[in-house]
Amino acid sequence: MNAATLALLIPIVAIVGGVVLSAMKIQQRKGQAQQQDAVLQALQEEVSALKARVQVLEALATDSGESLKRKINDL
């Protein structure tokens, strides 16, 4: 290999390497985004369940005594 060939190959290798690194970073970000979506979905489900529990507790706390006894016994 002569100097001209090396002078041509070095920038080509650098450009290709940069493209490969960029592609790898994009893939990594996609994986992180998928993980975050899964965590978000789980948190949304947990919040929905907690809201339902709070509604039941609010109903029990604001209800009259007799009705409250019946509901507790029904559980």
N, C-alpha and C. Protein backbone atom coordinates (compact mmCIF):
# COMPACT_ATOMS: atom_id res chain seq x y z
N MET A 1 0.84 -1.18 0.00
CA MET A 1 0.00 0.00 0.00
C MET A 1 0.88 1.24 0.00
N ASN A 2 0.48 2.13 -0.82
CA ASN A 2 1.24 3.38 -0.85
C ASN A 2 0.53 4.45 -0.01
N ALA A 3 1.13 5.58 0.09
CA ALA A 3 0.64 6.66 0.94
C ALA A 3 -0.71 7.18 0.46
N ALA A 4 -0.92 7.22 -0.85
CA ALA A 4 -2.18 7.73 -1.40
C ALA A 4 -3.34 6.80 -1.02
N THR A 5 -3.10 5.50 -1.07
CA THR A 5 -4.14 4.55 -0.70
C THR A 5 -4.48 4.67 0.78
N LEU A 6 -3.47 4.78 1.60
CA LEU A 6 -3.70 4.95 3.04
C LEU A 6 -4.43 6.26 3.32
N ALA A 7 -4.06 7.30 2.62
CA ALA A 7 -4.71 8.60 2.80
C ALA A 7 -6.19 8.52 2.43
N LEU A 8 -6.53 7.66 1.50
CA LEU A 8 -7.92 7.48 1.10
C LEU A 8 -8.66 6.55 2.06
N LEU A 9 -8.02 5.49 2.54
CA LEU A 9 -8.67 4.52 3.40
C LEU A 9 -8.94 5.04 4.81
N ILE A 10 -8.04 5.84 5.34
CA ILE A 10 -8.21 6.33 6.73
C ILE A 10 -9.51 7.12 6.90
N PRO A 11 -9.82 8.08 6.05
CA PRO A 11 -11.10 8.79 6.22
C PRO A 11 -12.32 7.89 5.99
N ILE A 12 -12.19 6.94 5.05
CA ILE A 12 -13.32 6.04 4.79
C ILE A 12 -13.59 5.18 6.03
N VAL A 13 -12.55 4.64 6.63
CA VAL A 13 -12.71 3.84 7.84
C VAL A 13 -13.28 4.69 8.97
N ALA A 14 -12.85 5.91 9.09
CA ALA A 14 -13.36 6.80 10.13
C ALA A 14 -14.85 7.09 9.92
N ILE A 15 -15.24 7.33 8.69
CA ILE A 15 -16.65 7.63 8.39
C ILE A 15 -17.51 6.40 8.66
N VAL A 16 -17.07 5.25 8.19
CA VAL A 16 -17.83 4.02 8.40
C VAL A 16 -17.93 3.71 9.90
N GLY A 17 -16.84 3.90 10.60
CA GLY A 17 -16.86 3.68 12.05
C GLY A 17 -17.84 4.62 12.74
N GLY A 18 -17.88 5.85 12.32
CA GLY A 18 -18.83 6.81 12.90
C GLY A 18 -20.27 6.42 12.63
N VAL A 19 -20.53 5.92 11.43
CA VAL A 19 -21.89 5.48 11.09
C VAL A 19 -22.28 4.27 11.94
N VAL A 20 -21.36 3.34 12.11
CA VAL A 20 -21.64 2.15 12.92
C VAL A 20 -21.90 2.55 14.37
N LEU A 21 -21.11 3.44 14.92
CA LEU A 21 -21.33 3.90 16.30
C LEU A 21 -22.68 4.60 16.44
N SER A 22 -23.04 5.41 15.46
CA SER A 22 -24.34 6.09 15.50
C SER A 22 -25.48 5.08 15.48
N ALA A 23 -25.35 4.06 14.64
CA ALA A 23 -26.38 3.03 14.57
C ALA A 23 -26.50 2.28 15.89
N MET A 24 -25.38 2.00 16.53
CA MET A 24 -25.39 1.31 17.81
C MET A 24 -26.05 2.17 18.89
N LYS A 25 -25.79 3.46 18.88
CA LYS A 25 -26.40 4.36 19.86
C LYS A 25 -27.91 4.43 19.66
N ILE A 26 -28.35 4.44 18.40
CA ILE A 26 -29.78 4.48 18.10
C ILE A 26 -30.45 3.21 18.61
N GLN A 27 -29.83 2.05 18.40
CA GLN A 27 -30.38 0.79 18.88
C GLN A 27 -30.47 0.79 20.41
N GLN A 28 -29.46 1.32 21.06
CA GLN A 28 -29.45 1.38 22.51
C GLN A 28 -30.59 2.27 23.01
N ARG A 29 -30.79 3.39 22.36
CA ARG A 29 -31.87 4.30 22.76
C ARG A 29 -33.24 3.65 22.56
N LYS A 30 -33.39 2.88 21.49
CA LYS A 30 -34.66 2.19 21.26
C LYS A 30 -34.92 1.19 22.37
N GLY A 31 -33.88 0.47 22.78
CA GLY A 31 -34.03 -0.48 23.87
C GLY A 31 -34.41 0.21 25.17
N GLN A 32 -33.80 1.34 25.43
CA GLN A 32 -34.12 2.10 26.64
C GLN A 32 -35.55 2.62 26.58
N ALA A 33 -35.97 3.06 25.40
CA ALA A 33 -37.33 3.57 25.25
C ALA A 33 -38.35 2.45 25.49
N GLN A 34 -38.05 1.25 25.02
CA GLN A 34 -38.96 0.13 25.23
C GLN A 34 -39.04 -0.22 26.72
N GLN A 35 -37.92 -0.17 27.41
CA GLN A 35 -37.92 -0.44 28.84
C GLN A 35 -38.72 0.62 29.58
N GLN A 36 -38.55 1.87 29.19
CA GLN A 36 -39.28 2.95 29.83
C GLN A 36 -40.77 2.82 29.57
N ASP A 37 -41.15 2.38 28.36
CA ASP A 37 -42.56 2.18 28.06
C ASP A 37 -43.16 1.09 28.94
N ALA A 38 -42.40 0.03 29.16
CA ALA A 38 -42.87 -1.06 30.02
C ALA A 38 -43.05 -0.58 31.46
N VAL A 39 -42.10 0.19 31.94
CA VAL A 39 -42.19 0.73 33.30
C VAL A 39 -43.38 1.69 33.41
N LEU A 40 -43.55 2.51 32.40
CA LEU A 40 -44.68 3.45 32.40
C LEU A 40 -46.01 2.71 32.43
N GLN A 41 -46.13 1.66 31.64
CA GLN A 41 -47.36 0.86 31.61
C GLN A 41 -47.63 0.25 32.98
N ALA A 42 -46.60 -0.29 33.61
CA ALA A 42 -46.77 -0.90 34.93
C ALA A 42 -47.19 0.15 35.95
N LEU A 43 -46.60 1.33 35.88
CA LEU A 43 -46.96 2.39 36.83
C LEU A 43 -48.39 2.87 36.61
N GLN A 44 -48.81 2.95 35.35
CA GLN A 44 -50.18 3.37 35.06
C GLN A 44 -51.18 2.35 35.61
N GLU A 45 -50.87 1.07 35.47
CA GLU A 45 -51.74 0.04 36.01
C GLU A 45 -51.81 0.12 37.53
N GLU A 46 -50.66 0.37 38.15
CA GLU A 46 -50.63 0.48 39.61
C GLU A 46 -51.43 1.69 40.08
N VAL A 47 -51.33 2.80 39.38
CA VAL A 47 -52.09 3.99 39.75
C VAL A 47 -53.59 3.72 39.62
N SER A 48 -53.99 3.03 38.56
CA SER A 48 -55.41 2.71 38.38
C SER A 48 -55.92 1.84 39.53
N ALA A 49 -55.12 0.85 39.91
CA ALA A 49 -55.52 -0.02 41.03
C ALA A 49 -55.61 0.78 42.33
N LEU A 50 -54.67 1.66 42.55
CA LEU A 50 -54.69 2.48 43.77
C LEU A 50 -55.88 3.43 43.79
N LYS A 51 -56.23 3.98 42.63
CA LYS A 51 -57.40 4.86 42.56
C LYS A 51 -58.66 4.09 42.93
N ALA A 52 -58.77 2.87 42.44
CA ALA A 52 -59.94 2.06 42.77
C ALA A 52 -60.00 1.78 44.26
N ARG A 53 -58.87 1.49 44.86
CA ARG A 53 -58.83 1.24 46.31
C ARG A 53 -59.21 2.50 47.10
N VAL A 54 -58.74 3.65 46.65
CA VAL A 54 -59.07 4.91 47.33
C VAL A 54 -60.56 5.18 47.24
N GLN A 55 -61.17 4.88 46.09
CA GLN A 55 -62.61 5.09 45.95
C GLN A 55 -63.38 4.23 46.95
N VAL A 56 -62.96 2.99 47.11
CA VAL A 56 -63.62 2.10 48.08
C VAL A 56 -63.44 2.64 49.49
N LEU A 57 -62.22 3.06 49.81
CA LEU A 57 -61.98 3.59 51.15
C LEU A 57 -62.76 4.88 51.40
N GLU A 58 -62.86 5.74 50.40
CA GLU A 58 -63.64 6.96 50.55
C GLU A 58 -65.11 6.64 50.79
N ALA A 59 -65.62 5.66 50.05
CA ALA A 59 -67.01 5.27 50.23
C ALA A 59 -67.24 4.72 51.63
N LEU A 60 -66.31 3.93 52.11
CA LEU A 60 -66.44 3.38 53.47
C LEU A 60 -66.34 4.47 54.53
N ALA A 61 -65.46 5.43 54.30
CA ALA A 61 -65.24 6.49 55.30
C ALA A 61 -66.40 7.46 55.36
N THR A 62 -67.10 7.68 54.27
CA THR A 62 -68.18 8.67 54.25
C THR A 62 -69.56 8.06 54.40
N ASP A 63 -69.64 6.75 54.49
CA ASP A 63 -70.94 6.08 54.58
C ASP A 63 -71.41 6.01 56.03
N SER A 64 -72.70 5.78 56.19
CA SER A 64 -73.25 5.67 57.55
C SER A 64 -72.79 4.36 58.19
N GLY A 65 -72.97 4.26 59.49
CA GLY A 65 -72.47 3.12 60.26
C GLY A 65 -73.09 1.79 59.86
N GLU A 66 -74.40 1.73 59.67
CA GLU A 66 -75.07 0.47 59.33
C GLU A 66 -74.62 -0.04 57.97
N SER A 67 -74.60 0.85 57.04
CA SER A 67 -74.18 0.45 55.68
C SER A 67 -72.74 -0.01 55.70
N LEU A 68 -71.92 0.65 56.47
CA LEU A 68 -70.51 0.29 56.59
C LEU A 68 -70.35 -1.13 57.14
N LYS A 69 -71.14 -1.46 58.16
CA LYS A 69 -71.07 -2.80 58.74
C LYS A 69 -71.45 -3.86 57.69
N ARG A 70 -72.49 -3.57 56.92
CA ARG A 70 -72.92 -4.51 55.88
C ARG A 70 -71.83 -4.71 54.83
N LYS A 71 -71.21 -3.63 54.41
CA LYS A 71 -70.17 -3.73 53.39
C LYS A 71 -68.96 -4.51 53.89
N ILE A 72 -68.59 -4.27 55.12
CA ILE A 72 -67.46 -5.00 55.69
C ILE A 72 -67.79 -6.48 55.80
N ASN A 73 -69.01 -6.79 56.23
CA ASN A 73 -69.41 -8.19 56.32
C ASN A 73 -69.51 -8.85 54.94
N ASP A 74 -69.87 -8.07 53.92
CA ASP A 74 -69.94 -8.62 52.55
C ASP A 74 -68.56 -8.95 52.01
N LEU A 75 -67.55 -8.26 52.49
CA LEU A 75 -66.20 -8.53 52.02
C LEU A 75 -65.74 -9.87 52.54
